[in-house]
Amino acid sequence: MKGTDKNHLLQPAPQKSSQEYLERRREDRLPAHLPSILLNKGHTIYTTIINLSSNGIGFLSAVPLNTDEEVQITFERKSANTLVPVDLKVHVRSCREVDFEYYIGGSIDNKSVEYTKFFNTVDNTDES
């Protein structure tokens, strides 16, 4: 190990994914109450989105999920006189039991154009 600083070997490697997750957790979360559908391993589960941010989502489910699972959440947003589906690929970060349900928090892996439009509309309404 010629030319290597011994102290450098003792330092833990930086964990960007954990740091990025903490940064996302600091984002403002907007409260919500949106009916949604969870698609996971061929099963459809009715859920309720209770908060969201530009990069994350929290929802209630009757069924627990494992952390690090990838699931799809679908809900509808109103656009003019029609309902437009919003599909999100969500990386499950946490799952805990709350009053006979499970609160699941996740990061959004793909922000669709429809989600961006929805979030910007809701976020601007909240500031008024």
N, C-alpha and C. Protein backbone atom coordinates (compact mmCIF):
# COMPACT_ATOMS: atom_id res chain seq x y z
N MET A 1 0.83 -1.19 0.00
CA MET A 1 0.00 0.00 0.00
C MET A 1 0.86 1.24 0.00
N LYS A 2 1.85 1.20 -0.77
CA LYS A 2 2.77 2.31 -0.86
C LYS A 2 2.05 3.54 -1.40
N GLY A 3 2.22 4.68 -0.69
CA GLY A 3 1.62 5.93 -1.14
C GLY A 3 0.16 6.08 -0.75
N THR A 4 -0.36 5.16 0.07
CA THR A 4 -1.76 5.24 0.48
C THR A 4 -1.84 5.78 1.90
N ASP A 5 -2.69 6.72 2.14
CA ASP A 5 -2.91 7.28 3.46
C ASP A 5 -3.70 6.27 4.29
N LYS A 6 -3.13 5.81 5.43
CA LYS A 6 -3.79 4.81 6.26
C LYS A 6 -5.13 5.34 6.81
N ASN A 7 -5.20 6.63 7.13
CA ASN A 7 -6.45 7.19 7.64
C ASN A 7 -7.56 7.13 6.60
N HIS A 8 -7.18 7.24 5.35
CA HIS A 8 -8.17 7.18 4.27
C HIS A 8 -8.85 5.82 4.24
N LEU A 9 -8.09 4.76 4.57
CA LEU A 9 -8.66 3.41 4.55
C LEU A 9 -9.70 3.21 5.64
N LEU A 10 -9.64 3.98 6.72
CA LEU A 10 -10.57 3.83 7.83
C LEU A 10 -11.88 4.58 7.63
N GLN A 11 -11.91 5.49 6.70
CA GLN A 11 -13.11 6.28 6.47
C GLN A 11 -14.13 5.47 5.68
N PRO A 12 -15.41 5.52 6.10
CA PRO A 12 -16.42 4.80 5.33
C PRO A 12 -16.63 5.44 3.97
N ALA A 13 -16.98 4.62 3.03
CA ALA A 13 -17.27 5.14 1.69
C ALA A 13 -18.53 6.00 1.74
N PRO A 14 -18.53 7.11 1.01
CA PRO A 14 -19.73 7.95 1.00
C PRO A 14 -20.91 7.18 0.42
N GLN A 15 -22.07 7.37 1.04
CA GLN A 15 -23.27 6.68 0.58
C GLN A 15 -24.20 7.70 -0.06
N LYS A 16 -24.03 7.89 -1.34
CA LYS A 16 -24.81 8.89 -2.05
C LYS A 16 -26.29 8.58 -2.00
N SER A 17 -26.65 7.31 -2.12
CA SER A 17 -28.07 6.99 -2.16
C SER A 17 -28.75 7.37 -0.84
N SER A 18 -28.10 7.13 0.30
CA SER A 18 -28.67 7.50 1.59
C SER A 18 -28.75 9.02 1.71
N GLN A 19 -27.71 9.70 1.28
CA GLN A 19 -27.70 11.17 1.36
C GLN A 19 -28.79 11.75 0.46
N GLU A 20 -28.90 11.22 -0.74
CA GLU A 20 -29.95 11.70 -1.65
C GLU A 20 -31.32 11.46 -1.05
N TYR A 21 -31.51 10.32 -0.39
CA TYR A 21 -32.79 10.02 0.25
C TYR A 21 -33.08 11.03 1.36
N LEU A 22 -32.08 11.36 2.17
CA LEU A 22 -32.29 12.34 3.24
C LEU A 22 -32.64 13.71 2.67
N GLU A 23 -32.00 14.09 1.57
CA GLU A 23 -32.32 15.36 0.94
C GLU A 23 -33.77 15.39 0.46
N ARG A 24 -34.22 14.29 -0.12
CA ARG A 24 -35.61 14.23 -0.59
C ARG A 24 -36.57 14.29 0.59
N ARG A 25 -36.21 13.70 1.73
CA ARG A 25 -37.07 13.70 2.90
C ARG A 25 -37.27 15.12 3.42
N ARG A 26 -36.35 16.02 3.13
CA ARG A 26 -36.45 17.40 3.61
C ARG A 26 -37.38 18.24 2.74
N GLU A 27 -37.79 17.72 1.61
CA GLU A 27 -38.69 18.46 0.74
C GLU A 27 -40.03 18.68 1.43
N ASP A 28 -40.67 19.80 1.09
CA ASP A 28 -42.01 20.03 1.59
C ASP A 28 -42.94 18.96 1.05
N ARG A 29 -43.76 18.45 1.93
CA ARG A 29 -44.76 17.46 1.52
C ARG A 29 -46.12 18.11 1.56
N LEU A 30 -46.86 17.86 0.53
CA LEU A 30 -48.20 18.40 0.46
C LEU A 30 -49.19 17.34 0.93
N PRO A 31 -50.06 17.71 1.87
CA PRO A 31 -51.06 16.73 2.30
C PRO A 31 -52.04 16.46 1.16
N ALA A 32 -52.56 15.25 1.13
CA ALA A 32 -53.49 14.87 0.06
C ALA A 32 -54.45 13.81 0.61
N HIS A 33 -55.46 13.55 -0.15
CA HIS A 33 -56.39 12.44 0.12
C HIS A 33 -56.90 12.00 -1.24
N LEU A 34 -56.07 11.23 -1.94
CA LEU A 34 -56.38 10.84 -3.31
C LEU A 34 -56.55 9.33 -3.41
N PRO A 35 -57.70 8.88 -3.90
CA PRO A 35 -57.84 7.45 -4.15
C PRO A 35 -56.85 7.03 -5.23
N SER A 36 -56.24 5.88 -5.02
CA SER A 36 -55.23 5.41 -5.97
C SER A 36 -55.27 3.89 -6.03
N ILE A 37 -54.58 3.36 -7.01
CA ILE A 37 -54.49 1.92 -7.19
C ILE A 37 -53.01 1.53 -7.23
N LEU A 38 -52.67 0.53 -6.45
CA LEU A 38 -51.33 -0.01 -6.40
C LEU A 38 -51.29 -1.28 -7.24
N LEU A 39 -50.35 -1.36 -8.15
CA LEU A 39 -50.15 -2.56 -8.95
C LEU A 39 -48.82 -3.18 -8.52
N ASN A 40 -48.89 -4.43 -8.05
CA ASN A 40 -47.69 -5.08 -7.56
C ASN A 40 -47.80 -6.59 -7.77
N LYS A 41 -46.90 -7.15 -8.54
CA LYS A 41 -46.84 -8.59 -8.78
C LYS A 41 -48.18 -9.16 -9.25
N GLY A 42 -48.82 -8.45 -10.16
CA GLY A 42 -50.07 -8.93 -10.72
C GLY A 42 -51.29 -8.70 -9.84
N HIS A 43 -51.13 -8.05 -8.70
CA HIS A 43 -52.24 -7.77 -7.80
C HIS A 43 -52.61 -6.29 -7.86
N THR A 44 -53.89 -6.02 -7.73
CA THR A 44 -54.40 -4.65 -7.67
C THR A 44 -54.90 -4.40 -6.26
N ILE A 45 -54.41 -3.33 -5.64
CA ILE A 45 -54.79 -2.99 -4.27
C ILE A 45 -55.23 -1.53 -4.25
N TYR A 46 -56.39 -1.28 -3.67
CA TYR A 46 -56.85 0.09 -3.54
C TYR A 46 -56.11 0.76 -2.40
N THR A 47 -55.58 1.95 -2.67
CA THR A 47 -54.78 2.69 -1.70
C THR A 47 -55.25 4.14 -1.67
N THR A 48 -54.71 4.89 -0.71
CA THR A 48 -55.01 6.32 -0.60
C THR A 48 -53.71 7.08 -0.44
N ILE A 49 -53.44 7.98 -1.36
CA ILE A 49 -52.25 8.84 -1.25
C ILE A 49 -52.56 9.90 -0.20
N ILE A 50 -51.67 10.03 0.80
CA ILE A 50 -51.93 11.01 1.86
C ILE A 50 -50.94 12.16 1.88
N ASN A 51 -49.82 12.02 1.18
CA ASN A 51 -48.91 13.15 1.01
C ASN A 51 -48.03 12.90 -0.20
N LEU A 52 -47.53 14.00 -0.76
CA LEU A 52 -46.65 13.88 -1.91
C LEU A 52 -45.72 15.07 -1.98
N SER A 53 -44.62 14.84 -2.66
CA SER A 53 -43.65 15.90 -2.92
C SER A 53 -43.20 15.74 -4.35
N SER A 54 -42.28 16.58 -4.79
CA SER A 54 -41.85 16.47 -6.18
C SER A 54 -41.13 15.15 -6.45
N ASN A 55 -40.54 14.53 -5.40
CA ASN A 55 -39.79 13.30 -5.60
C ASN A 55 -40.28 12.11 -4.79
N GLY A 56 -41.34 12.30 -3.99
CA GLY A 56 -41.78 11.22 -3.12
C GLY A 56 -43.27 11.18 -2.92
N ILE A 57 -43.71 10.09 -2.29
CA ILE A 57 -45.14 9.87 -2.10
C ILE A 57 -45.33 9.05 -0.83
N GLY A 58 -46.41 9.34 -0.12
CA GLY A 58 -46.81 8.55 1.04
C GLY A 58 -48.24 8.09 0.82
N PHE A 59 -48.50 6.82 1.08
CA PHE A 59 -49.86 6.31 0.88
C PHE A 59 -50.19 5.23 1.89
N LEU A 60 -51.48 5.00 2.07
CA LEU A 60 -51.98 3.97 2.96
C LEU A 60 -52.42 2.77 2.15
N SER A 61 -52.09 1.59 2.66
CA SER A 61 -52.42 0.34 1.98
C SER A 61 -52.89 -0.68 3.01
N ALA A 62 -53.80 -1.55 2.63
CA ALA A 62 -54.24 -2.64 3.51
C ALA A 62 -53.20 -3.75 3.55
N VAL A 63 -52.27 -3.74 2.61
CA VAL A 63 -51.27 -4.79 2.47
C VAL A 63 -49.87 -4.19 2.69
N PRO A 64 -49.03 -4.82 3.51
CA PRO A 64 -47.66 -4.31 3.68
C PRO A 64 -46.81 -4.58 2.45
N LEU A 65 -45.79 -3.75 2.28
CA LEU A 65 -44.83 -3.93 1.19
C LEU A 65 -43.42 -4.00 1.78
N ASN A 66 -42.54 -4.68 1.09
CA ASN A 66 -41.15 -4.76 1.50
C ASN A 66 -40.40 -3.52 1.02
N THR A 67 -39.45 -3.06 1.84
CA THR A 67 -38.61 -1.96 1.39
C THR A 67 -37.79 -2.43 0.20
N ASP A 68 -37.47 -1.51 -0.66
CA ASP A 68 -36.72 -1.73 -1.90
C ASP A 68 -37.55 -2.39 -3.00
N GLU A 69 -38.86 -2.62 -2.76
CA GLU A 69 -39.72 -3.12 -3.83
C GLU A 69 -40.02 -1.99 -4.80
N GLU A 70 -40.24 -2.35 -6.04
CA GLU A 70 -40.69 -1.40 -7.06
C GLU A 70 -42.17 -1.68 -7.32
N VAL A 71 -43.00 -0.67 -7.18
CA VAL A 71 -44.43 -0.83 -7.41
C VAL A 71 -44.91 0.29 -8.32
N GLN A 72 -46.12 0.15 -8.79
CA GLN A 72 -46.72 1.19 -9.62
C GLN A 72 -47.97 1.70 -8.92
N ILE A 73 -48.10 3.01 -8.85
CA ILE A 73 -49.28 3.67 -8.28
C ILE A 73 -49.95 4.44 -9.42
N THR A 74 -51.26 4.34 -9.49
CA THR A 74 -52.02 5.08 -10.49
C THR A 74 -53.13 5.86 -9.79
N PHE A 75 -53.27 7.12 -10.17
CA PHE A 75 -54.41 7.93 -9.73
C PHE A 75 -54.82 8.81 -10.89
N GLU A 76 -55.91 9.53 -10.72
CA GLU A 76 -56.39 10.38 -11.81
C GLU A 76 -56.35 11.85 -11.41
N ARG A 77 -55.98 12.67 -12.37
CA ARG A 77 -56.01 14.12 -12.16
C ARG A 77 -57.00 14.71 -13.15
N LYS A 78 -57.62 15.79 -12.73
CA LYS A 78 -58.58 16.45 -13.61
C LYS A 78 -57.85 17.42 -14.52
N SER A 79 -58.17 17.34 -15.80
CA SER A 79 -57.61 18.24 -16.79
C SER A 79 -58.75 18.69 -17.68
N ALA A 80 -59.08 19.96 -17.59
CA ALA A 80 -60.26 20.51 -18.29
C ALA A 80 -61.48 19.73 -17.81
N ASN A 81 -62.15 19.04 -18.71
CA ASN A 81 -63.35 18.29 -18.31
C ASN A 81 -63.14 16.79 -18.33
N THR A 82 -61.89 16.36 -18.31
CA THR A 82 -61.62 14.92 -18.36
C THR A 82 -60.70 14.51 -17.21
N LEU A 83 -60.70 13.23 -16.90
CA LEU A 83 -59.77 12.68 -15.92
C LEU A 83 -58.63 12.01 -16.67
N VAL A 84 -57.42 12.37 -16.28
CA VAL A 84 -56.22 11.86 -16.94
C VAL A 84 -55.49 10.94 -15.95
N PRO A 85 -55.17 9.71 -16.35
CA PRO A 85 -54.43 8.83 -15.44
C PRO A 85 -52.99 9.31 -15.24
N VAL A 86 -52.53 9.18 -14.02
CA VAL A 86 -51.16 9.50 -13.67
C VAL A 86 -50.53 8.22 -13.14
N ASP A 87 -49.54 7.70 -13.84
CA ASP A 87 -48.86 6.47 -13.45
C ASP A 87 -47.49 6.81 -12.88
N LEU A 88 -47.19 6.23 -11.72
CA LEU A 88 -45.90 6.47 -11.08
C LEU A 88 -45.23 5.15 -10.74
N LYS A 89 -43.96 5.07 -11.04
CA LYS A 89 -43.15 3.94 -10.59
C LYS A 89 -42.53 4.39 -9.27
N VAL A 90 -42.78 3.62 -8.21
CA VAL A 90 -42.37 4.03 -6.86
C VAL A 90 -41.42 2.99 -6.27
N HIS A 91 -40.35 3.48 -5.69
CA HIS A 91 -39.38 2.65 -4.97
C HIS A 91 -39.74 2.74 -3.48
N VAL A 92 -40.19 1.65 -2.89
CA VAL A 92 -40.63 1.64 -1.49
C VAL A 92 -39.43 1.85 -0.58
N ARG A 93 -39.52 2.86 0.29
CA ARG A 93 -38.44 3.18 1.23
C ARG A 93 -38.79 2.78 2.67
N SER A 94 -40.10 2.81 3.00
CA SER A 94 -40.50 2.46 4.37
C SER A 94 -41.92 1.93 4.36
N CYS A 95 -42.20 1.11 5.37
CA CYS A 95 -43.54 0.56 5.54
C CYS A 95 -43.74 0.33 7.03
N ARG A 96 -44.77 0.95 7.59
CA ARG A 96 -45.04 0.74 9.02
C ARG A 96 -46.54 0.65 9.25
N GLU A 97 -46.93 -0.14 10.22
CA GLU A 97 -48.34 -0.34 10.53
C GLU A 97 -48.87 0.87 11.28
N VAL A 98 -50.05 1.35 10.83
CA VAL A 98 -50.71 2.48 11.46
C VAL A 98 -52.21 2.21 11.45
N ASP A 99 -52.79 1.99 12.63
CA ASP A 99 -54.24 1.82 12.76
C ASP A 99 -54.82 0.82 11.75
N PHE A 100 -54.35 -0.39 11.78
CA PHE A 100 -54.86 -1.49 10.95
C PHE A 100 -54.59 -1.33 9.45
N GLU A 101 -53.74 -0.38 9.10
CA GLU A 101 -53.30 -0.19 7.72
C GLU A 101 -51.78 -0.07 7.74
N TYR A 102 -51.22 0.14 6.58
CA TYR A 102 -49.78 0.33 6.47
C TYR A 102 -49.51 1.65 5.78
N TYR A 103 -48.66 2.47 6.43
CA TYR A 103 -48.20 3.70 5.79
C TYR A 103 -46.94 3.35 5.03
N ILE A 104 -46.95 3.63 3.75
CA ILE A 104 -45.82 3.32 2.89
C ILE A 104 -45.27 4.62 2.30
N GLY A 105 -43.99 4.81 2.47
CA GLY A 105 -43.31 5.97 1.90
C GLY A 105 -42.38 5.51 0.81
N GLY A 106 -42.36 6.25 -0.27
CA GLY A 106 -41.50 5.85 -1.37
C GLY A 106 -41.00 7.02 -2.18
N SER A 107 -39.97 6.75 -2.94
CA SER A 107 -39.45 7.76 -3.86
C SER A 107 -39.98 7.45 -5.25
N ILE A 108 -40.24 8.50 -5.99
CA ILE A 108 -40.78 8.35 -7.34
C ILE A 108 -39.61 8.15 -8.29
N ASP A 109 -39.61 7.00 -8.95
CA ASP A 109 -38.51 6.68 -9.86
C ASP A 109 -38.69 7.28 -11.24
N ASN A 110 -39.93 7.49 -11.65
CA ASN A 110 -40.17 8.11 -12.96
C ASN A 110 -41.25 9.17 -12.79
N LYS A 111 -40.85 10.40 -12.96
CA LYS A 111 -41.83 11.49 -12.87
C LYS A 111 -42.37 11.73 -14.27
N SER A 112 -43.58 11.29 -14.49
CA SER A 112 -44.20 11.48 -15.79
C SER A 112 -44.57 12.95 -15.98
N VAL A 113 -44.81 13.31 -17.20
CA VAL A 113 -45.26 14.67 -17.51
C VAL A 113 -46.56 14.95 -16.78
N GLU A 114 -47.45 13.96 -16.72
CA GLU A 114 -48.74 14.14 -16.04
C GLU A 114 -48.55 14.39 -14.55
N TYR A 115 -47.60 13.70 -13.92
CA TYR A 115 -47.35 13.93 -12.49
C TYR A 115 -46.79 15.33 -12.27
N THR A 116 -45.87 15.73 -13.11
CA THR A 116 -45.29 17.07 -12.99
C THR A 116 -46.36 18.14 -13.12
N LYS A 117 -47.26 17.98 -14.09
CA LYS A 117 -48.37 18.93 -14.24
C LYS A 117 -49.25 18.94 -13.00
N PHE A 118 -49.60 17.74 -12.52
CA PHE A 118 -50.45 17.62 -11.33
C PHE A 118 -49.78 18.27 -10.12
N PHE A 119 -48.53 17.91 -9.86
CA PHE A 119 -47.83 18.42 -8.68
C PHE A 119 -47.70 19.94 -8.75
N ASN A 120 -47.34 20.48 -9.90
CA ASN A 120 -47.20 21.93 -10.03
C ASN A 120 -48.53 22.63 -9.80
N THR A 121 -49.62 22.05 -10.26
CA THR A 121 -50.95 22.63 -10.05
C THR A 121 -51.29 22.63 -8.57
N VAL A 122 -51.08 21.50 -7.91
CA VAL A 122 -51.40 21.37 -6.48
C VAL A 122 -50.50 22.27 -5.66
N ASP A 123 -49.20 22.30 -5.97
CA ASP A 123 -48.24 23.11 -5.23
C ASP A 123 -48.57 24.59 -5.37
N ASN A 124 -48.95 25.05 -6.55
CA ASN A 124 -49.31 26.46 -6.73
C ASN A 124 -50.60 26.81 -6.02
N THR A 125 -51.54 25.90 -5.97
CA THR A 125 -52.81 26.12 -5.26
C THR A 125 -52.54 26.25 -3.77
N ASP A 126 -51.62 25.44 -3.24
CA ASP A 126 -51.29 25.44 -1.84
C ASP A 126 -50.67 26.77 -1.39
N GLU A 127 -49.94 27.43 -2.27
CA GLU A 127 -49.26 28.69 -1.94
C GLU A 127 -50.22 29.87 -1.96
N SER A 128 -51.36 29.73 -2.58
CA SER A 128 -52.31 30.86 -2.69
C SER A 128 -52.98 31.16 -1.38
